[in-house]
């Protein structure tokens, strides 16, 4: 039985699975929820949600591909259940004070790179989210 302790996280081995308390909550913005329903089939949506839930254990998630992207981080969602119509990308931002990860953008890419327009859109949403949270306004109370 091998158990690895990293910081205050306990990473179990295959032989000794155990529940780990999530470090973060993961919440998609309302606009992203609407976009996901339009972009994805029901099966793709369920698979994407399962993969995005792994973000709760950030940064101890070696199975996910995460890279810096503007003001946020890019999650590359590549899984057989998602399908082959391109690369599904999610951009998220971490609010450390509330230990919450906000998914601010979700889109398909035909190429394996993020366009300048996608980056500008995600950065704009992150700036608005920071302003709302700084003013103690919930992202769900706006009509965006």
Protein backbone atom coordinates (compact mmCIF):
# COMPACT_ATOMS: atom_id res chain seq x y z
CA UNK A 1 0.00 0.00 0.00
CA UNK A 2 1.49 3.34 -1.09
CA UNK A 3 0.08 6.67 -0.01
CA UNK A 4 1.76 9.87 -1.10
CA UNK A 5 1.37 13.04 0.92
CA UNK A 6 1.79 16.29 -1.03
CA UNK A 7 1.32 19.42 1.07
CA UNK A 8 -1.97 18.83 2.86
CA UNK A 9 -3.28 16.52 0.13
CA UNK A 10 -3.19 12.74 0.37
CA UNK A 11 -2.87 10.99 -2.97
CA UNK A 12 -3.91 7.34 -2.75
CA UNK A 13 -2.43 4.52 -4.77
CA UNK A 14 -4.41 2.15 -6.99
CA UNK A 15 -4.33 -0.42 -4.20
CA UNK A 16 -5.71 1.94 -1.57
CA UNK A 17 -8.34 4.31 -2.99
CA UNK A 18 -9.71 6.83 -0.54
CA UNK A 19 -11.89 9.89 -0.61
CA UNK A 20 -10.05 13.19 -0.81
CA UNK A 21 -11.72 16.37 0.29
CA UNK A 22 -12.01 18.67 -2.74
CA UNK A 23 -9.90 21.80 -2.53
CA UNK A 24 -12.22 23.88 -4.75
CA UNK A 25 -15.82 24.25 -5.87
CA UNK A 26 -16.26 24.28 -9.66
CA UNK A 27 -18.98 26.54 -11.06
CA UNK A 28 -19.71 27.41 -14.69
CA UNK A 29 -20.97 30.93 -15.30
CA UNK A 30 -24.65 31.10 -16.38
CA UNK A 31 -23.62 32.10 -19.91
CA UNK A 32 -21.36 29.04 -20.13
CA UNK A 33 -24.20 26.78 -18.98
CA UNK A 34 -26.38 28.11 -21.82
CA UNK A 35 -23.56 27.79 -24.36
CA UNK A 36 -22.82 24.20 -23.29
CA UNK A 37 -26.45 23.17 -23.87
CA UNK A 38 -26.23 24.55 -27.42
CA UNK A 39 -22.73 23.25 -28.26
CA UNK A 40 -22.86 19.74 -26.85
CA UNK A 41 -25.09 16.72 -27.15
CA UNK A 42 -26.50 15.32 -23.93
CA UNK A 43 -23.84 12.58 -23.78
CA UNK A 44 -21.02 15.04 -24.52
CA UNK A 45 -22.32 17.39 -21.84
CA UNK A 46 -22.36 14.63 -19.21
CA UNK A 47 -18.83 13.54 -20.16
CA UNK A 48 -17.56 17.14 -20.07
CA UNK A 49 -19.14 17.68 -16.64
CA UNK A 50 -17.47 14.53 -15.29
CA UNK A 51 -14.09 15.73 -16.55
CA UNK A 52 -14.60 19.29 -15.30
CA UNK A 53 -15.48 17.98 -11.83
CA UNK A 54 -11.90 16.79 -11.57
CA UNK A 55 -10.92 20.45 -11.30
CA UNK A 56 -12.16 20.31 -7.69
CA UNK A 57 -8.84 18.67 -6.85
CA UNK A 58 -6.69 21.29 -8.63
CA UNK A 59 -3.65 21.22 -8.83
CA UNK A 60 -3.40 17.47 -8.10
CA UNK A 61 -4.98 16.36 -11.40
CA UNK A 62 -2.32 14.83 -13.65
CA UNK A 63 -4.92 13.35 -16.04
CA UNK A 64 -6.10 16.75 -17.25
CA UNK A 65 -4.25 19.03 -19.66
CA UNK A 66 -4.15 22.54 -18.16
CA UNK A 67 -2.13 25.50 -19.41
CA UNK A 68 -1.99 29.23 -18.73
CA UNK A 69 -4.24 31.23 -21.09
CA UNK A 70 -4.43 35.00 -20.69
CA UNK A 71 -5.88 35.86 -17.27
CA UNK A 72 -7.19 32.32 -16.81
CA UNK A 73 -6.24 28.73 -17.43
CA UNK A 74 -7.14 26.54 -20.39
CA UNK A 75 -8.55 23.05 -19.85
CA UNK A 76 -8.18 20.80 -22.89
CA UNK A 77 -11.02 18.32 -22.83
CA UNK A 78 -10.05 15.37 -24.98
CA UNK A 79 -11.95 12.18 -24.29
CA UNK A 80 -13.58 9.51 -26.51
CA UNK A 81 -16.99 10.33 -24.99
CA UNK A 82 -16.66 13.95 -26.14
CA UNK A 83 -16.33 12.98 -29.78
CA UNK A 84 -14.20 13.78 -32.76
CA UNK A 85 -15.61 17.08 -34.07
CA UNK A 86 -12.57 19.01 -32.84
CA UNK A 87 -11.01 19.95 -29.54
CA UNK A 88 -13.28 21.07 -26.73
CA UNK A 89 -11.71 23.85 -24.67
CA UNK A 90 -12.76 25.44 -21.41
CA UNK A 91 -11.16 28.52 -19.90
CA UNK A 92 -11.44 28.90 -16.16
CA UNK A 93 -10.34 31.30 -13.45
CA UNK A 94 -9.58 30.55 -9.80
CA UNK A 95 -10.93 32.80 -7.04
CA UNK A 96 -8.56 31.89 -4.20
CA UNK A 97 -10.49 33.68 -1.42
CA UNK A 98 -13.62 31.57 -1.91
CA UNK A 99 -11.74 28.48 -3.17
CA UNK A 100 -13.93 28.50 -6.28
CA UNK A 101 -13.04 27.71 -9.89
CA UNK A 102 -15.26 29.57 -12.36
CA UNK A 103 -15.54 28.21 -15.90
CA UNK A 104 -15.81 31.38 -17.98
CA UNK A 105 -15.75 30.07 -21.55
CA UNK A 106 -16.43 26.84 -23.43
CA UNK A 107 -15.88 26.32 -27.15
CA UNK A 108 -14.90 23.88 -29.91
CA UNK A 109 -11.67 24.42 -31.81
CA UNK A 110 -10.91 22.95 -35.22
CA UNK A 111 -7.23 23.64 -34.63
CA UNK A 112 -5.31 22.92 -31.47
CA UNK A 113 -4.76 26.58 -30.58
CA UNK A 114 -6.84 29.35 -29.04
CA UNK A 115 -7.65 32.31 -31.27
CA UNK A 116 -7.05 35.90 -30.23
CA UNK A 117 -10.83 36.51 -30.24
CA UNK A 118 -11.45 33.60 -27.83
CA UNK A 119 -8.69 34.87 -25.56
CA UNK A 120 -10.08 38.43 -25.53
CA UNK A 121 -13.59 37.14 -24.78
CA UNK A 122 -12.38 34.97 -21.88
CA UNK A 123 -10.24 37.77 -20.44
CA UNK A 124 -13.19 40.16 -20.62
CA UNK A 125 -15.41 37.69 -18.76
CA UNK A 126 -12.72 37.20 -16.10
CA UNK A 127 -12.39 40.98 -15.61
CA UNK A 128 -16.17 41.31 -15.21
CA UNK A 129 -16.25 38.37 -12.80
CA UNK A 130 -13.45 39.88 -10.69
CA UNK A 131 -15.33 43.17 -10.56
CA UNK A 132 -18.58 41.45 -9.52
CA UNK A 133 -16.89 39.41 -6.82
CA UNK A 134 -14.97 42.48 -5.61
CA UNK A 135 -18.28 44.34 -5.26
CA UNK A 136 -19.85 41.37 -3.43
CA UNK A 137 -22.22 40.70 -6.37
CA UNK A 138 -23.04 37.13 -7.33
CA UNK A 139 -22.43 36.24 -11.01
CA UNK A 140 -25.88 34.61 -10.95
CA UNK A 141 -27.67 37.83 -9.99
CA UNK A 142 -26.90 39.54 -13.30
CA UNK A 143 -28.86 38.95 -16.48
CA UNK A 144 -25.76 38.21 -18.60
